[in-house]
Amino acid sequence: MATLITPFAQAKPDEMALVDDFGETNWADFNARVNQLVHALRNAGMQTGDNFAVVSGNRREYLEAFAAATHGGWLLIPVNWHLVAEEVAYILADSSAKVFMVDARFIELGEATMLHPERPNLNRVVILGPEARAFADEMEQAVPYEDFIADESTDEPEEQILGGPMFYTSGTTGHPKGVKGSIAQIGAPVETLKMMSDGMSGILDLPPEGRSLLVGPVYHSAQWAYSFLPMLDGSSVVMRHKFDEAETLRLIDDYQITNTHLVPTQFTRMLRLDDNVRADFQGKSLTVVWHGAAPCPPEIKRQMIDWWGPVINEYYGSTEGSIVTTVSSEDWLTKPGTLGKPTPIMEVTIIKEDGSPAETGEPGQIYVRNIMGSDFEYHNAPEKTAAAHLEPGVFTFGDIGYLDEDGYLYMSDRKIDMIISGGVNIYPAEIESVLINHPTVLDAAVFGIPNEEFGEEVKAAVELADGVLADDQLAEDLIAHCREHLASYKIPRSVDFETSLPRHPTGKLLKRLLRDRYWEGSGRTI
């Protein structure tokens, strides 16, 4: 049996391991199918250290693929299904993928990728989903997933070697880059990942043999970490391909979910549900809810704590550096806006623009170090790796923040988002938090646009709640609302109304897509 799954396949073979939109898999079948997939990939020519890529929504086969990579000594490349064929082909080529798995829901993307001249020669294309057989006949080298594993042995694979995921950055500038970190220790004993998952579960208070809810895309590192890693402690995973606020509440109660990872926009959407829908929610099974990936407006977080209780916890981290700081509900209410203190294995240092360490309360670039020696590199991009490092083992995600007198971290904003107007630094996150608290606003983005006198001026773009009419009067009202809570130089000079703001499914706001339209033809970018 697959080493890390064996204890649960033996102890609770008939209990639920995975649930998705299509059905359920018990632990015995999960273990058997992972074994079959390891054998199938080896028979498709995959050698230790090789890579394979997956374009898929959340489904049980995706978790089987993660488990197979973990035990087979391979890197699994999770690919964002929102990308276009050119971008997917680039990732396949950059990662030297040998096998390409495609969810039938994204078959057009898969077909276009296979036709792209930049994609590498592949050993096999595997199609996931009940429609796979019909599509497989139309694609070169393609085979349905169920056929791919059907004739393989369910016996334990020999020479199980640790593999893992290599996540690609979202690529807001230039090509995305693969992040190779401590998780992807190809060739290490498989048990190494079990020790890592145990350590993470301890830091994050994840209950052993609990039930995790996955309602964000598992191709993102945080969603993977908060779903797949708890499985190594015996937790089952209930997943959905897309987030639905009312369904999420039902799933938590129906499946007695103990832990989940959410992002602030999901909080906002649940808070905006009808009162009767919210009143039906019990949530008694929840022991911990983690959120991160994007700043959470303080008032939204307060409302969630009032509704769900002190189970709401926040972390700060990234694909490159894993989890850096954490904060409980209780500590956050005492210190609103904080990202918490570093975990026991992380150190945080604030460095000013002149390269000197910042004083307490003084903002600068946030640098982190894992005291266990873990580090990361960008695949095939040594120059980008060097740019992120202050020195070996000390690196930044590009965020601006400060530490208070008690060692709690606060983030001002992303460095790339900072507005400099008349020589004054303005951090959009503060303004966005004010806007999101207006009852008409569902989502908000603030960024700088060209201004001949001051260099930049503050622009706000908002997504309105259902049924709210966008007009000049509302724009004036929103500006007046900001004026009540912010210094004059932070007030948006104008407000645009957007049907929806461009957010990555992980919750990160793709502000560049809004900002760039104002800088076209200006002859500058800042």
Protein backbone atom coordinates (compact mmCIF):
# COMPACT_ATOMS: atom_id res chain seq x y z
CA MET A 1 0.00 0.00 0.00
CA ALA A 2 1.01 3.66 -0.36
CA THR A 3 3.05 4.24 2.78
CA LEU A 4 1.33 7.36 4.09
CA ILE A 5 -2.19 6.10 3.37
CA THR A 6 -1.75 2.56 4.72
CA PRO A 7 -2.74 3.25 8.36
CA PHE A 8 -6.10 4.72 7.39
CA ALA A 9 -6.85 2.22 4.62
CA GLN A 10 -6.36 -0.54 7.19
CA ALA A 11 -8.03 1.13 10.18
CA LYS A 12 -11.11 2.54 8.43
CA PRO A 13 -11.33 1.01 4.93
CA ASP A 14 -15.02 1.72 4.41
CA GLU A 15 -15.05 5.25 5.78
CA MET A 16 -15.21 8.31 3.54
CA ALA A 17 -11.87 9.63 2.28
CA LEU A 18 -12.93 11.95 -0.56
CA VAL A 19 -16.15 13.58 -1.72
CA ASP A 20 -16.56 15.74 -4.82
CA ASP A 21 -19.36 16.92 -7.10
CA PHE A 22 -19.54 13.47 -8.67
CA GLY A 23 -19.37 11.00 -5.79
CA GLU A 24 -17.44 9.52 -2.87
CA THR A 25 -14.34 7.34 -2.37
CA ASN A 26 -13.57 5.36 0.78
CA TRP A 27 -10.08 4.91 2.22
CA ALA A 28 -9.57 1.40 0.88
CA ASP A 29 -10.47 2.44 -2.67
CA PHE A 30 -8.44 5.63 -2.41
CA ASN A 31 -5.37 3.63 -1.46
CA ALA A 32 -5.95 1.09 -4.23
CA ARG A 33 -6.42 3.76 -6.88
CA VAL A 34 -3.29 5.64 -5.79
CA ASN A 35 -1.31 2.41 -6.12
CA GLN A 36 -2.76 1.83 -9.57
CA LEU A 37 -1.88 5.35 -10.65
CA VAL A 38 1.72 5.00 -9.47
CA HIS A 39 2.06 1.80 -11.52
CA ALA A 40 0.37 3.42 -14.54
CA LEU A 41 2.66 6.45 -14.50
CA ARG A 42 5.74 4.25 -14.21
CA ASN A 43 4.53 2.17 -17.12
CA ALA A 44 4.06 5.40 -19.08
CA GLY A 45 7.79 6.04 -18.76
CA MET A 46 7.87 8.24 -15.67
CA GLN A 47 11.23 7.97 -13.87
CA THR A 48 12.17 9.27 -10.43
CA GLY A 49 12.52 13.04 -10.65
CA ASP A 50 10.28 13.40 -13.70
CA ASN A 51 7.35 15.82 -13.77
CA PHE A 52 3.71 15.59 -14.80
CA ALA A 53 1.13 18.36 -15.10
CA VAL A 54 -2.57 18.53 -14.25
CA VAL A 55 -5.20 20.95 -15.55
CA SER A 56 -8.29 20.17 -13.52
CA GLY A 57 -10.95 21.50 -11.28
CA ASN A 58 -11.36 20.12 -7.78
CA ARG A 59 -12.12 16.43 -8.10
CA ARG A 60 -11.13 13.18 -6.40
CA GLU A 61 -8.69 12.18 -9.14
CA TYR A 62 -6.66 15.32 -8.43
CA LEU A 63 -6.01 14.19 -4.84
CA GLU A 64 -5.13 10.72 -6.16
CA ALA A 65 -2.57 12.38 -8.43
CA PHE A 66 -1.06 14.35 -5.54
CA ALA A 67 -0.79 11.14 -3.51
CA ALA A 68 0.79 9.29 -6.44
CA ALA A 69 3.41 12.01 -6.91
CA THR A 70 4.13 11.90 -3.16
CA HIS A 71 4.90 8.16 -3.29
CA GLY A 72 6.36 7.94 -6.81
CA GLY A 73 9.18 10.46 -6.56
CA TRP A 74 7.74 12.93 -9.08
CA LEU A 75 6.86 16.61 -9.20
CA LEU A 76 3.22 17.26 -9.91
CA ILE A 77 2.67 20.60 -11.68
CA PRO A 78 -0.81 21.98 -10.80
CA VAL A 79 -1.86 24.29 -13.67
CA ASN A 80 -4.37 27.10 -13.30
CA TRP A 81 -7.32 26.23 -15.55
CA HIS A 82 -8.02 29.92 -16.15
CA LEU A 83 -4.90 30.18 -18.31
CA VAL A 84 -4.90 30.12 -22.11
CA ALA A 85 -3.23 27.43 -24.20
CA GLU A 86 -0.06 29.46 -24.79
CA GLU A 87 0.46 29.84 -21.04
CA VAL A 88 -0.26 26.17 -20.32
CA ALA A 89 2.11 25.10 -23.10
CA TYR A 90 4.83 27.31 -21.60
CA ILE A 91 4.43 25.67 -18.18
CA LEU A 92 4.50 22.19 -19.70
CA ALA A 93 7.69 23.04 -21.58
CA ASP A 94 9.35 24.89 -18.69
CA SER A 95 8.66 22.01 -16.30
CA SER A 96 9.59 19.31 -18.88
CA ALA A 97 6.32 17.50 -18.14
CA LYS A 98 6.16 13.90 -19.35
CA VAL A 99 2.43 13.28 -18.74
CA PHE A 100 -0.43 15.76 -19.07
CA MET A 101 -3.72 15.18 -17.22
CA VAL A 102 -6.73 17.21 -18.35
CA ASP A 103 -10.16 17.50 -16.76
CA ALA A 104 -12.85 16.92 -19.37
CA ARG A 105 -14.43 20.19 -18.22
CA PHE A 106 -11.41 21.94 -19.79
CA ILE A 107 -11.03 19.75 -22.84
CA GLU A 108 -10.93 22.72 -25.23
CA LEU A 109 -7.98 24.14 -23.30
CA GLY A 110 -6.31 20.74 -23.37
CA GLU A 111 -6.81 20.34 -27.10
CA ALA A 112 -5.51 23.84 -27.84
CA THR A 113 -2.48 23.19 -25.64
CA MET A 114 -1.70 19.97 -27.50
CA LEU A 115 -1.77 21.89 -30.78
CA HIS A 116 0.55 24.61 -29.52
CA PRO A 117 4.08 24.37 -30.96
CA GLU A 118 5.79 25.18 -27.64
CA ARG A 119 4.43 22.26 -25.69
CA PRO A 120 6.92 19.42 -25.12
CA ASN A 121 6.69 15.89 -26.43
CA LEU A 122 4.54 13.99 -23.96
CA ASN A 123 4.52 10.32 -23.07
CA ARG A 124 0.81 10.34 -22.43
CA VAL A 125 -2.28 12.55 -22.18
CA VAL A 126 -4.84 11.41 -19.60
CA ILE A 127 -8.40 12.77 -19.55
CA LEU A 128 -10.37 12.95 -16.29
CA GLY A 129 -14.12 12.71 -15.96
CA PRO A 130 -17.12 10.72 -17.17
CA GLU A 131 -16.92 12.28 -20.65
CA ALA A 132 -13.28 11.26 -21.04
CA ARG A 133 -13.80 8.34 -23.40
CA ALA A 134 -15.50 10.45 -26.06
CA PHE A 135 -12.81 13.12 -25.91
CA ALA A 136 -9.89 10.69 -25.84
CA ASP A 137 -10.65 9.54 -29.37
CA GLU A 138 -10.07 13.08 -30.64
CA MET A 139 -6.72 13.83 -28.94
CA GLU A 140 -3.28 12.53 -29.78
CA GLN A 141 -1.87 10.06 -27.19
CA ALA A 142 -4.98 10.51 -25.05
CA VAL A 143 -6.52 7.89 -22.78
CA PRO A 144 -9.36 8.12 -20.23
CA TYR A 145 -8.13 8.15 -16.64
CA GLU A 146 -10.18 5.09 -15.70
CA ASP A 147 -8.70 3.13 -18.62
CA PHE A 148 -5.22 4.41 -17.73
CA ILE A 149 -5.33 2.79 -14.28
CA ALA A 150 -7.82 -0.03 -14.87
CA ASP A 151 -5.39 -2.88 -15.63
CA GLU A 152 -2.78 -1.85 -13.07
CA SER A 153 -2.13 -3.72 -9.85
CA THR A 154 -3.54 -2.44 -6.58
CA ASP A 155 -0.49 -3.86 -4.81
CA GLU A 156 1.97 -1.61 -3.03
CA PRO A 157 4.45 -0.02 -5.47
CA GLU A 158 8.11 -0.84 -4.94
CA GLU A 159 10.72 1.81 -4.13
CA GLN A 160 8.39 4.49 -2.87
CA ILE A 161 10.26 7.81 -2.97
CA LEU A 162 9.09 11.24 -1.85
CA GLY A 163 7.77 13.61 -4.49
CA GLY A 164 5.47 16.59 -4.28
CA PRO A 165 3.94 19.58 -6.03
CA MET A 166 5.76 22.39 -7.81
CA PHE A 167 3.40 25.35 -7.91
CA TYR A 168 3.84 28.07 -10.51
CA THR A 169 3.51 31.71 -9.56
CA SER A 170 0.49 33.50 -10.99
CA GLY A 171 2.68 35.38 -13.45
CA THR A 172 1.32 38.93 -13.10
CA THR A 173 4.52 40.07 -14.82
CA GLY A 174 6.36 38.01 -17.39
CA HIS A 175 6.15 34.22 -17.47
CA PRO A 176 5.10 32.31 -14.36
CA LYS A 177 7.87 30.50 -12.52
CA GLY A 178 7.82 27.19 -10.71
CA VAL A 179 8.56 27.35 -7.00
CA LYS A 180 10.79 24.55 -5.77
CA GLY A 181 10.83 24.43 -2.00
CA SER A 182 11.16 22.13 0.96
CA ILE A 183 8.08 20.10 0.01
CA ALA A 184 9.60 18.96 -3.26
CA GLN A 185 12.51 17.00 -1.78
CA ILE A 186 12.74 14.43 -4.54
CA GLY A 187 14.45 11.29 -3.32
CA ALA A 188 13.89 11.83 0.40
CA PRO A 189 12.07 9.13 2.39
CA VAL A 190 8.31 9.31 1.96
CA GLU A 191 7.94 9.58 5.74
CA THR A 192 9.55 13.05 5.54
CA LEU A 193 6.27 14.53 4.32
CA LYS A 194 4.39 12.88 7.16
CA MET A 195 6.65 14.67 9.65
CA MET A 196 6.03 17.95 7.83
CA SER A 197 2.27 17.45 7.82
CA ASP A 198 2.28 16.56 11.52
CA GLY A 199 4.23 19.72 12.27
CA MET A 200 1.87 21.87 10.20
CA SER A 201 -1.20 20.30 11.80
CA GLY A 202 0.22 21.08 15.21
CA ILE A 203 0.98 24.71 14.36
CA LEU A 204 -2.46 25.20 12.78
CA ASP A 205 -4.50 23.21 15.31
CA LEU A 206 -5.88 20.95 12.59
CA PRO A 207 -7.67 18.01 14.22
CA PRO A 208 -6.34 14.53 13.34
CA GLU A 209 -8.83 12.44 11.37
CA GLY A 210 -11.08 15.44 10.94
CA ARG A 211 -12.99 16.58 7.87
CA SER A 212 -11.60 19.30 5.61
CA LEU A 213 -13.70 21.41 3.28
CA LEU A 214 -12.06 22.47 0.00
CA VAL A 215 -13.93 25.24 -1.84
CA GLY A 216 -10.95 26.98 -3.44
CA PRO A 217 -8.86 25.72 -6.36
CA VAL A 218 -6.47 22.99 -5.26
CA TYR A 219 -3.98 24.10 -7.91
CA HIS A 220 -3.08 26.82 -5.38
CA SER A 221 -0.53 25.94 -2.72
CA ALA A 222 -2.63 27.06 0.25
CA GLN A 223 -5.67 25.07 -0.82
CA TRP A 224 -3.45 22.01 -1.35
CA ALA A 225 -1.78 22.43 2.04
CA TYR A 226 -5.07 22.79 3.90
CA SER A 227 -6.68 19.78 2.19
CA PHE A 228 -4.12 17.20 1.08
CA LEU A 229 -1.71 17.50 4.01
CA PRO A 230 -4.46 16.90 6.61
CA MET A 231 -5.23 13.66 4.75
CA LEU A 232 -1.84 12.39 5.90
CA ASP A 233 -3.24 12.66 9.43
CA GLY A 234 -6.35 10.75 8.42
CA SER A 235 -8.70 13.63 7.58
CA SER A 236 -11.22 13.17 4.81
CA VAL A 237 -11.78 15.92 2.24
CA VAL A 238 -15.09 17.27 0.98
CA MET A 239 -14.55 19.39 -2.10
CA ARG A 240 -16.44 21.40 -4.66
CA HIS A 241 -15.22 22.69 -8.00
CA LYS A 242 -16.66 26.15 -7.44
CA PHE A 243 -17.49 28.14 -4.34
CA ASP A 244 -21.15 28.78 -3.58
CA GLU A 245 -21.78 30.69 -0.39
CA ALA A 246 -25.07 29.05 0.58
CA GLU A 247 -23.87 25.56 -0.37
CA THR A 248 -20.72 26.05 1.70
CA LEU A 249 -22.82 26.56 4.82
CA ARG A 250 -24.84 23.44 4.02
CA LEU A 251 -21.72 21.35 3.41
CA ILE A 252 -20.20 22.35 6.74
CA ASP A 253 -23.29 21.18 8.60
CA ASP A 254 -24.16 18.16 6.44
CA TYR A 255 -20.64 16.69 6.52
CA GLN A 256 -19.71 17.94 10.00
CA ILE A 257 -16.67 19.78 8.64
CA THR A 258 -13.98 20.44 11.26
CA ASN A 259 -11.62 22.72 9.33
CA THR A 260 -11.44 24.75 6.14
CA HIS A 261 -9.45 27.42 4.33
CA LEU A 262 -11.33 30.46 3.03
CA VAL A 263 -10.43 33.83 1.54
CA PRO A 264 -11.90 37.25 2.43
CA THR A 265 -14.13 37.52 -0.64
CA GLN A 266 -15.79 34.27 0.42
CA PHE A 267 -16.39 35.74 3.87
CA THR A 268 -18.01 38.79 2.30
CA ARG A 269 -20.30 36.72 0.09
CA MET A 270 -21.46 34.57 2.99
CA LEU A 271 -22.09 37.65 5.13
CA ARG A 272 -24.29 39.08 2.36
CA LEU A 273 -26.59 36.03 2.33
CA ASP A 274 -30.21 36.44 3.35
CA ASP A 275 -30.72 36.46 7.09
CA ASN A 276 -32.83 33.30 7.00
CA VAL A 277 -30.06 31.39 5.19
CA ARG A 278 -27.49 32.53 7.73
CA ALA A 279 -29.82 31.69 10.61
CA ASP A 280 -30.08 28.06 9.47
CA PHE A 281 -26.33 27.58 9.73
CA GLN A 282 -25.15 25.74 12.86
CA GLY A 283 -21.39 25.30 12.32
CA LYS A 284 -20.98 23.39 15.58
CA SER A 285 -18.48 20.94 14.09
CA LEU A 286 -15.97 23.64 13.11
CA THR A 287 -12.82 23.73 15.23
CA VAL A 288 -10.66 26.00 13.06
CA VAL A 289 -11.13 28.17 9.97
CA TRP A 290 -8.02 29.61 8.35
CA HIS A 291 -7.92 32.53 5.98
CA GLY A 292 -5.13 34.19 4.05
CA ALA A 293 -4.00 34.89 0.45
CA ALA A 294 -5.42 38.43 0.54
CA PRO A 295 -5.93 41.14 3.20
CA CYS A 296 -9.23 40.88 5.04
CA PRO A 297 -11.08 44.13 5.79
CA PRO A 298 -11.24 44.43 9.59
CA GLU A 299 -14.99 44.95 9.78
CA ILE A 300 -15.61 41.86 7.62
CA LYS A 301 -13.43 39.81 9.94
CA ARG A 302 -15.19 41.14 13.03
CA GLN A 303 -18.53 40.15 11.54
CA MET A 304 -17.26 36.63 10.82
CA ILE A 305 -15.96 36.23 14.38
CA ASP A 306 -19.28 37.48 15.73
CA TRP A 307 -21.11 34.94 13.54
CA TRP A 308 -18.86 31.84 13.68
CA GLY A 309 -17.09 32.48 16.96
CA PRO A 310 -13.36 32.40 17.76
CA VAL A 311 -12.60 29.64 15.24
CA ILE A 312 -11.47 32.26 12.69
CA ASN A 313 -7.69 32.25 12.38
CA GLU A 314 -5.39 34.07 9.97
CA TYR A 315 -1.99 33.26 8.53
CA TYR A 316 0.57 35.11 6.46
CA GLY A 317 2.68 33.21 3.98
CA SER A 318 3.19 32.32 0.35
CA THR A 319 4.00 29.50 -2.00
CA GLU A 320 7.67 30.36 -1.60
CA GLY A 321 7.78 30.50 2.17
CA SER A 322 4.85 28.45 3.42
CA ILE A 323 3.26 29.76 6.65
CA VAL A 324 5.17 32.57 8.33
CA THR A 325 2.85 34.04 10.98
CA THR A 326 -0.48 33.10 12.53
CA VAL A 327 -3.02 34.87 14.69
CA SER A 328 -6.08 33.65 16.59
CA SER A 329 -9.40 35.45 16.84
CA GLU A 330 -8.66 36.47 20.40
CA ASP A 331 -5.27 37.99 19.59
CA TRP A 332 -6.58 39.70 16.48
CA LEU A 333 -9.42 41.34 18.41
CA THR A 334 -6.81 42.65 20.84
CA LYS A 335 -4.60 43.85 17.98
CA PRO A 336 -6.92 44.46 15.00
CA GLY A 337 -5.24 44.14 11.64
CA THR A 338 -2.26 42.13 12.79
CA LEU A 339 -1.05 39.08 10.89
CA GLY A 340 0.15 37.60 14.14
CA LYS A 341 3.48 36.37 15.39
CA PRO A 342 5.95 34.15 13.54
CA THR A 343 5.44 30.41 13.90
CA PRO A 344 8.04 28.59 16.04
CA ILE A 345 10.18 27.82 12.98
CA MET A 346 10.09 31.25 11.29
CA GLU A 347 11.88 34.55 11.85
CA VAL A 348 10.71 37.91 10.47
CA THR A 349 12.91 40.93 9.79
CA ILE A 350 11.85 44.34 8.43
CA ILE A 351 14.36 46.00 6.09
CA LYS A 352 14.12 49.65 5.03
CA GLU A 353 14.79 50.86 1.49
CA ASP A 354 18.36 51.84 2.43
CA GLY A 355 19.03 48.25 3.48
CA SER A 356 19.12 48.89 7.21
CA PRO A 357 16.88 47.09 9.75
CA ALA A 358 13.70 48.96 10.65
CA GLU A 359 12.87 50.04 14.17
CA THR A 360 9.74 48.91 15.99
CA GLY A 361 6.69 50.30 14.20
CA GLU A 362 8.74 51.43 11.21
CA PRO A 363 7.61 50.02 7.84
CA GLY A 364 9.87 48.26 5.40
CA GLN A 365 10.13 45.18 3.27
CA ILE A 366 9.26 41.96 5.08
CA TYR A 367 11.99 39.30 4.99
CA VAL A 368 11.61 35.82 6.47
CA ARG A 369 13.87 32.92 7.40
CA ASN A 370 13.02 29.34 8.24
CA ILE A 371 15.21 28.37 11.18
CA MET A 372 15.05 24.72 10.06
CA GLY A 373 17.05 25.74 7.00
CA SER A 374 14.29 25.41 4.41
CA ASP A 375 14.58 27.67 1.39
CA PHE A 376 13.21 27.86 -2.14
CA GLU A 377 14.28 28.57 -5.68
CA TYR A 378 12.45 29.51 -8.85
CA HIS A 379 12.72 26.75 -11.45
CA ASN A 380 14.99 27.80 -14.34
CA ALA A 381 15.15 31.39 -12.99
CA PRO A 382 18.27 31.96 -10.87
CA GLU A 383 18.05 35.73 -11.36
CA LYS A 384 14.55 35.84 -9.92
CA THR A 385 15.63 33.61 -7.05
CA ALA A 386 18.53 35.96 -6.28
CA ALA A 387 16.29 39.05 -6.43
CA ALA A 388 13.97 37.59 -3.77
CA HIS A 389 16.82 36.85 -1.36
CA LEU A 390 18.60 39.22 0.99
CA GLU A 391 21.07 36.44 1.65
CA PRO A 392 20.88 32.63 1.45
CA GLY A 393 17.84 31.49 3.41
CA VAL A 394 16.48 35.03 3.94
CA PHE A 395 13.84 36.02 1.40
CA THR A 396 10.89 38.31 0.70
CA PHE A 397 7.49 37.97 -0.95
CA GLY A 398 7.52 41.66 -1.88
CA ASP A 399 5.32 42.84 0.98
CA ILE A 400 5.64 46.01 3.08
CA GLY A 401 4.97 45.82 6.80
CA TYR A 402 6.17 46.46 10.33
CA LEU A 403 6.52 44.77 13.72
CA ASP A 404 4.99 46.28 16.84
CA GLU A 405 6.52 46.36 20.32
CA ASP A 406 5.17 42.87 21.07
CA GLY A 407 6.53 41.28 17.91
CA TYR A 408 3.23 41.18 16.02
CA LEU A 409 3.44 41.66 12.25
CA TYR A 410 1.31 44.13 10.33
CA MET A 411 1.30 44.36 6.54
CA SER A 412 0.93 47.77 4.92
CA ASP A 413 0.60 46.55 1.35
CA ARG A 414 2.27 44.88 -1.56
CA LYS A 415 5.29 46.89 -2.65
CA ILE A 416 4.12 46.77 -6.26
CA ASP A 417 0.74 48.24 -5.26
CA MET A 418 2.07 51.23 -3.36
CA ILE A 419 0.94 54.62 -4.69
CA ILE A 420 3.40 57.52 -4.53
CA SER A 421 1.52 60.79 -4.89
CA GLY A 422 3.44 64.02 -4.44
CA GLY A 423 6.25 62.06 -2.80
CA VAL A 424 3.91 60.54 -0.20
CA ASN A 425 3.56 56.75 0.07
CA ILE A 426 -0.08 55.61 0.05
CA TYR A 427 -1.02 52.00 0.78
CA PRO A 428 -4.18 50.90 -1.05
CA ALA A 429 -5.12 48.16 1.44
CA GLU A 430 -6.12 50.78 4.01
CA ILE A 431 -8.43 52.54 1.55
CA GLU A 432 -9.91 49.28 0.28
CA SER A 433 -10.83 48.31 3.84
CA VAL A 434 -12.81 51.52 4.22
CA LEU A 435 -14.63 51.10 0.92
CA ILE A 436 -15.60 47.48 1.55
CA ASN A 437 -17.36 48.57 4.75
CA HIS A 438 -19.82 50.71 2.79
CA PRO A 439 -23.12 48.79 2.56
CA THR A 440 -23.33 49.14 -1.23
CA VAL A 441 -19.85 47.70 -1.93
CA LEU A 442 -19.14 44.01 -2.45
CA ASP A 443 -15.49 44.32 -3.49
CA ALA A 444 -12.99 47.15 -3.92
CA ALA A 445 -9.65 47.85 -5.57
CA VAL A 446 -7.51 50.96 -5.15
CA PHE A 447 -4.50 51.81 -7.33
CA GLY A 448 -2.56 54.71 -8.74
CA ILE A 449 -3.20 56.32 -12.12
CA PRO A 450 -1.18 59.05 -13.89
CA ASN A 451 -1.34 62.60 -12.59
CA GLU A 452 0.82 65.28 -14.22
CA GLU A 453 1.26 67.31 -11.05
CA PHE A 454 1.64 64.62 -8.38
CA GLY A 455 2.90 61.69 -10.44
CA GLU A 456 0.01 59.47 -9.37
CA GLU A 457 -3.46 59.97 -8.00
CA VAL A 458 -5.71 57.56 -6.14
CA LYS A 459 -8.31 55.69 -8.19
CA ALA A 460 -10.95 53.36 -6.73
CA ALA A 461 -12.78 50.62 -8.60
CA VAL A 462 -15.69 48.93 -6.87
CA GLU A 463 -18.02 46.02 -7.43
CA LEU A 464 -21.48 46.77 -6.08
CA ALA A 465 -23.87 44.54 -4.22
CA ASP A 466 -26.75 43.07 -6.19
CA GLY A 467 -29.47 45.57 -6.99
CA VAL A 468 -27.42 48.69 -6.27
CA LEU A 469 -27.54 51.33 -9.02
CA ALA A 470 -24.20 52.77 -10.12
CA ASP A 471 -24.37 56.51 -10.72
CA ASP A 472 -22.49 59.75 -10.10
CA GLN A 473 -24.26 60.33 -6.79
CA LEU A 474 -23.10 56.97 -5.44
CA ALA A 475 -19.54 57.74 -6.54
CA GLU A 476 -19.69 60.99 -4.56
CA ASP A 477 -21.14 59.15 -1.57
CA LEU A 478 -18.29 56.64 -1.61
CA ILE A 479 -15.70 59.41 -1.74
CA ALA A 480 -17.45 61.15 1.15
CA HIS A 481 -17.43 57.85 3.07
CA CYS A 482 -13.65 57.63 2.62
CA ARG A 483 -13.26 61.23 3.74
CA GLU A 484 -14.89 60.36 7.07
CA HIS A 485 -12.29 57.69 7.81
CA LEU A 486 -9.07 58.66 6.02
CA ALA A 487 -6.60 61.50 5.70
CA SER A 488 -7.27 63.78 2.76
CA TYR A 489 -4.29 62.62 0.69
CA LYS A 490 -5.62 59.04 0.77
CA ILE A 491 -9.07 59.90 -0.59
CA PRO A 492 -9.83 58.51 -4.09
CA ARG A 493 -10.07 61.29 -6.64
CA SER A 494 -12.56 59.23 -8.66
CA VAL A 495 -14.50 55.97 -8.52
CA ASP A 496 -15.17 53.49 -11.31
CA PHE A 497 -17.91 50.86 -11.16
CA GLU A 498 -17.01 47.39 -12.39
CA THR A 499 -19.36 44.47 -13.04
CA SER A 500 -16.85 42.27 -11.22
CA LEU A 501 -13.29 42.81 -10.07
CA PRO A 502 -10.65 40.55 -11.59
CA ARG A 503 -9.63 38.21 -8.81
CA HIS A 504 -7.55 35.08 -9.02
CA PRO A 505 -9.59 32.12 -7.70
CA THR A 506 -7.28 32.12 -4.68
CA GLY A 507 -8.66 35.53 -3.74
CA LYS A 508 -5.73 37.64 -4.92
CA LEU A 509 -6.83 40.79 -6.71
CA LEU A 510 -5.34 41.08 -10.20
CA LYS A 511 -5.03 44.83 -9.89
CA ARG A 512 -2.75 45.10 -12.90
CA LEU A 513 -5.70 44.32 -15.19
CA LEU A 514 -7.48 47.41 -13.86
CA ARG A 515 -4.44 49.66 -13.54
CA ASP A 516 -2.86 49.07 -16.95
CA ARG A 517 -5.68 50.65 -18.92
CA TYR A 518 -4.94 54.04 -17.35
CA TRP A 519 -1.19 53.88 -18.02
CA GLU A 520 -1.42 52.95 -21.70
CA GLY A 521 -0.04 55.79 -23.79
CA SER A 522 1.36 57.65 -20.77
CA GLY A 523 4.92 56.77 -21.68
CA ARG A 524 5.56 55.44 -18.17
CA THR A 525 4.37 52.76 -15.79
CA ILE A 526 4.74 54.56 -12.47
